Protein backbone atom coordinates (compact mmCIF):
# COMPACT_ATOMS: atom_id res chain seq x y z
CA MET A 1 11.96 -37.55 -14.74
CA ASP A 2 9.41 -35.88 -12.49
CA ILE A 3 7.86 -32.69 -13.83
CA ASN A 4 7.20 -31.36 -10.33
CA ASN A 5 10.90 -31.65 -9.42
CA LEU A 6 11.89 -29.88 -12.63
CA ILE A 7 9.46 -27.05 -11.88
CA GLU A 8 10.71 -26.73 -8.31
CA GLN A 9 14.33 -26.75 -9.41
CA TYR A 10 14.24 -24.56 -12.53
CA GLY A 11 10.86 -22.84 -12.29
CA TYR A 12 11.98 -19.36 -11.27
CA ALA A 13 14.76 -19.21 -13.87
CA ALA A 14 12.33 -20.43 -16.54
CA LEU A 15 9.84 -17.75 -15.48
CA VAL A 16 12.44 -14.98 -15.78
CA ALA A 17 13.65 -16.23 -19.18
CA GLY A 18 10.16 -16.89 -20.50
CA SER A 19 8.78 -13.53 -19.48
CA VAL A 20 11.61 -11.58 -21.11
CA ALA A 21 9.99 -11.99 -24.52
CA GLU A 22 6.55 -13.49 -24.02
CA GLY A 23 4.98 -13.27 -20.69
CA GLU A 24 1.28 -13.95 -20.31
CA THR A 25 1.34 -17.70 -20.80
CA ILE A 26 4.48 -18.15 -18.71
CA THR A 27 3.08 -15.93 -15.97
CA LEU A 28 -0.23 -17.79 -15.88
CA LEU A 29 1.63 -21.11 -15.63
CA GLY A 30 3.77 -19.67 -12.82
CA GLY A 31 0.56 -18.80 -10.97
CA VAL A 32 -0.71 -22.34 -11.46
CA ALA A 33 2.59 -23.73 -10.13
CA ALA A 34 2.28 -21.43 -7.10
CA HIS A 35 -1.25 -22.70 -6.52
CA GLN A 36 0.05 -26.27 -6.63
CA GLY A 37 2.66 -25.40 -4.00
CA LEU A 38 5.58 -26.02 -6.37
CA LEU A 39 6.66 -22.37 -6.35
CA LYS A 40 6.09 -19.50 -3.94
CA PHE A 41 3.61 -16.85 -5.12
CA PRO A 42 5.71 -13.78 -4.19
CA LEU A 43 8.78 -15.23 -5.90
CA VAL A 44 6.75 -16.02 -9.03
CA VAL A 45 5.58 -12.40 -9.13
CA ALA A 46 9.15 -11.18 -8.63
CA ALA A 47 10.56 -13.53 -11.31
CA VAL A 48 8.05 -12.61 -14.01
CA ALA A 49 8.18 -8.91 -13.14
CA LEU A 50 11.97 -9.04 -13.44
CA GLY A 51 11.83 -10.86 -16.78
CA GLY A 52 9.17 -8.53 -18.16
CA MET A 53 11.06 -5.47 -17.00
CA ILE A 54 14.35 -6.69 -18.51
CA GLY A 55 12.70 -7.51 -21.84
CA ASP A 56 10.98 -4.15 -22.09
CA GLN A 57 14.11 -2.31 -20.99
CA LEU A 58 16.14 -4.00 -23.74
CA LEU A 59 13.48 -3.21 -26.35
CA TYR A 60 13.32 0.39 -25.11
CA PHE A 61 17.09 0.80 -25.57
CA LEU A 62 16.82 -0.82 -29.00
CA GLY A 63 14.15 1.75 -29.87
CA LEU A 64 16.20 4.57 -28.39
CA ARG A 65 19.23 3.62 -30.48
CA PHE A 66 17.72 2.26 -33.71
CA GLY A 67 14.01 3.12 -33.43
CA PRO A 68 13.50 5.67 -36.19
CA GLY A 69 15.31 3.46 -38.71
CA LEU A 70 13.44 0.38 -37.58
CA LEU A 71 10.06 2.07 -37.63
CA LYS A 72 10.57 3.39 -41.19
CA ARG A 73 10.63 -0.22 -42.39
CA PHE A 74 6.99 -0.67 -41.41
CA LYS A 75 5.61 1.39 -44.31
CA LYS A 76 2.08 -0.02 -44.03
CA HIS A 77 1.84 0.91 -40.36
CA GLN A 78 3.15 4.48 -40.39
CA LYS A 79 -0.25 5.94 -39.53
CA LYS A 80 -0.56 3.68 -36.47
CA ILE A 81 3.04 4.40 -35.47
CA ARG A 82 2.45 8.17 -35.60
CA ARG A 83 -0.75 7.79 -33.58
CA ALA A 84 1.10 5.72 -30.94
CA GLN A 85 3.90 8.29 -30.80
CA ARG A 86 1.35 11.08 -30.23
CA LEU A 87 -0.13 9.01 -27.38
CA ILE A 88 3.34 8.58 -25.90
CA GLN A 89 3.93 12.33 -26.02
CA ARG A 90 0.53 13.17 -24.49
CA HIS A 91 0.29 10.37 -21.91
CA PRO A 92 3.76 8.88 -21.41
CA TYR A 93 3.04 7.46 -17.97
CA LEU A 94 -0.13 5.65 -19.02
CA PHE A 95 1.41 4.43 -22.26
CA VAL A 96 4.53 3.00 -20.60
CA ILE A 97 2.54 1.23 -17.87
CA GLY A 98 -0.25 0.15 -20.20
CA THR A 99 1.76 -1.03 -23.20
CA ARG A 100 2.24 -4.50 -21.76
CA PHE A 101 -1.53 -4.83 -21.41
CA MET A 102 -2.29 -3.76 -25.00
CA TYR A 103 -2.69 -6.58 -27.49
CA GLY A 104 -0.06 -6.34 -30.21
CA PHE A 105 2.15 -3.88 -28.31
CA ARG A 106 4.15 -6.28 -26.14
CA ILE A 107 7.21 -6.09 -28.41
CA ILE A 108 6.66 -2.94 -30.47
CA GLY A 109 5.47 -0.77 -27.55
CA PRO A 110 8.84 -0.38 -25.81
CA ILE A 111 10.54 0.16 -29.18
CA LEU A 112 8.06 2.94 -29.96
CA ILE A 113 8.65 4.47 -26.54
CA GLY A 114 12.42 4.39 -27.05
CA ALA A 115 12.09 5.84 -30.56
CA SER A 116 10.02 8.70 -29.13
CA HIS A 117 13.06 9.63 -27.00
CA LEU A 118 11.22 9.44 -23.71
CA PRO A 119 14.06 9.90 -21.20
CA PRO A 120 15.37 6.74 -19.47
CA LYS A 121 14.86 8.37 -16.06
CA ILE A 122 11.12 8.46 -16.79
CA PHE A 123 10.89 5.09 -18.56
CA LEU A 124 12.72 2.97 -15.98
CA PRO A 125 10.50 3.61 -12.92
CA LEU A 126 7.35 3.36 -15.04
CA ASN A 127 8.62 0.14 -16.58
CA ILE A 128 9.22 -1.32 -13.11
CA LEU A 129 5.77 -0.23 -11.91
CA GLY A 130 4.08 -1.64 -15.01
CA ALA A 131 6.01 -4.91 -14.75
CA ILE A 132 4.98 -5.38 -11.11
CA ALA A 133 1.31 -4.60 -11.83
CA TRP A 134 1.33 -6.92 -14.85
CA ALA A 135 3.05 -9.71 -12.90
CA LEU A 136 0.60 -9.43 -9.99
CA ILE A 137 -2.46 -9.51 -12.24
CA PHE A 138 -1.42 -12.44 -14.44
CA THR A 139 0.14 -14.48 -11.63
CA THR A 140 -3.06 -14.06 -9.63
CA LEU A 141 -5.14 -15.14 -12.63
CA GLY A 142 -2.94 -18.24 -12.96
CA TYR A 143 -3.17 -18.92 -9.24
CA VAL A 144 -6.97 -18.72 -9.32
CA GLY A 145 -7.04 -20.79 -12.52
CA GLY A 146 -4.90 -23.40 -10.76
CA GLU A 147 -8.01 -24.48 -8.88
CA VAL A 148 -9.45 -25.71 -12.16
CA ILE A 149 -6.23 -26.75 -13.91
CA GLY A 150 -4.53 -28.40 -10.92
CA PRO A 151 -6.29 -31.78 -11.02
CA TRP A 152 -5.80 -31.96 -14.80
CA LEU A 153 -2.06 -31.28 -14.43
CA HIS A 154 -1.70 -34.10 -11.90
CA ASN A 155 -3.30 -36.49 -14.38
CA LEU A 156 -1.11 -35.08 -17.17
CA ASP A 157 2.02 -35.98 -15.21
CA GLN A 158 0.85 -39.60 -14.98
CA HIS A 159 -0.05 -39.69 -18.68
CA LEU A 160 3.31 -38.21 -19.68
CA LYS A 161 5.09 -41.09 -17.96
CA HIS A 162 2.99 -43.58 -19.94
CA TRP A 163 3.60 -41.70 -23.20
CA ALA A 164 7.33 -41.59 -22.53
CA TRP A 165 7.45 -45.37 -22.07
CA LEU A 166 5.28 -45.92 -25.14
CA SER A 167 7.56 -43.64 -27.18
CA LEU A 168 10.63 -45.56 -26.04
CA VAL A 169 9.04 -48.86 -27.04
CA VAL A 170 8.06 -47.50 -30.48
CA ILE A 171 11.58 -46.12 -31.02
CA ALA A 172 13.09 -49.45 -29.97
CA VAL A 173 10.83 -51.36 -32.38
CA ILE A 174 11.71 -49.02 -35.25
CA ALA A 175 15.43 -49.26 -34.42
CA VAL A 176 15.29 -53.07 -34.40
CA ARG A 177 13.42 -53.14 -37.74
CA LEU A 178 15.95 -50.77 -39.32
CA TRP A 179 18.83 -52.82 -37.96
CA LEU A 180 17.28 -56.05 -39.31
CA LYS A 181 16.73 -54.46 -42.75
CA HIS A 182 20.30 -53.19 -42.78
CA ARG A 183 21.58 -56.62 -41.75
CA GLU A 184 19.49 -58.33 -44.43
CA LYS A 185 20.70 -55.86 -47.06
CA THR A 186 24.30 -56.46 -46.02
CA ARG A 187 23.82 -60.26 -46.36
CA ASP A 188 22.31 -59.85 -49.84
CA GLU A 189 25.33 -57.82 -50.97
CA ASP A 190 27.76 -60.51 -49.80
């Protein structure tokens, strides 16, 4: 099992899936993989932008359909919700693009936007633009960080192989001990 081969084979799919819900960490790691030459930078940006856009689009439609009912459940946060909805009404373009950059708004932001009934024809292009900007920024940060992380990751791959073998040996020893105890217990019963 070679981690590099797994990344090369499944990396883009993992980036799309991982950035649907949570994106920063996945996107940074995609940038590191691009720096290491395992993935291509433009395709990493496209994969995480696609995943981020899909995730936010789904949350937007959830907010559009069920938003008011969902938001009423957050009784402690009604003041913040109303403030966010006023921001959406005053600055919809900035809010849609910026929501993925605001801490704590990655999931709730698109739901709030949908609940505010911002039309899909406005949300979709802004969502795409925001996803591309977000993907470029975080993939670039990961790529630049790959200079520092790269040598550590190479060593990690070697250590993982040693840990895997050590784990197998420990599991084998435990299995043999359990088998011997079971065998001894069976003899005592006879």
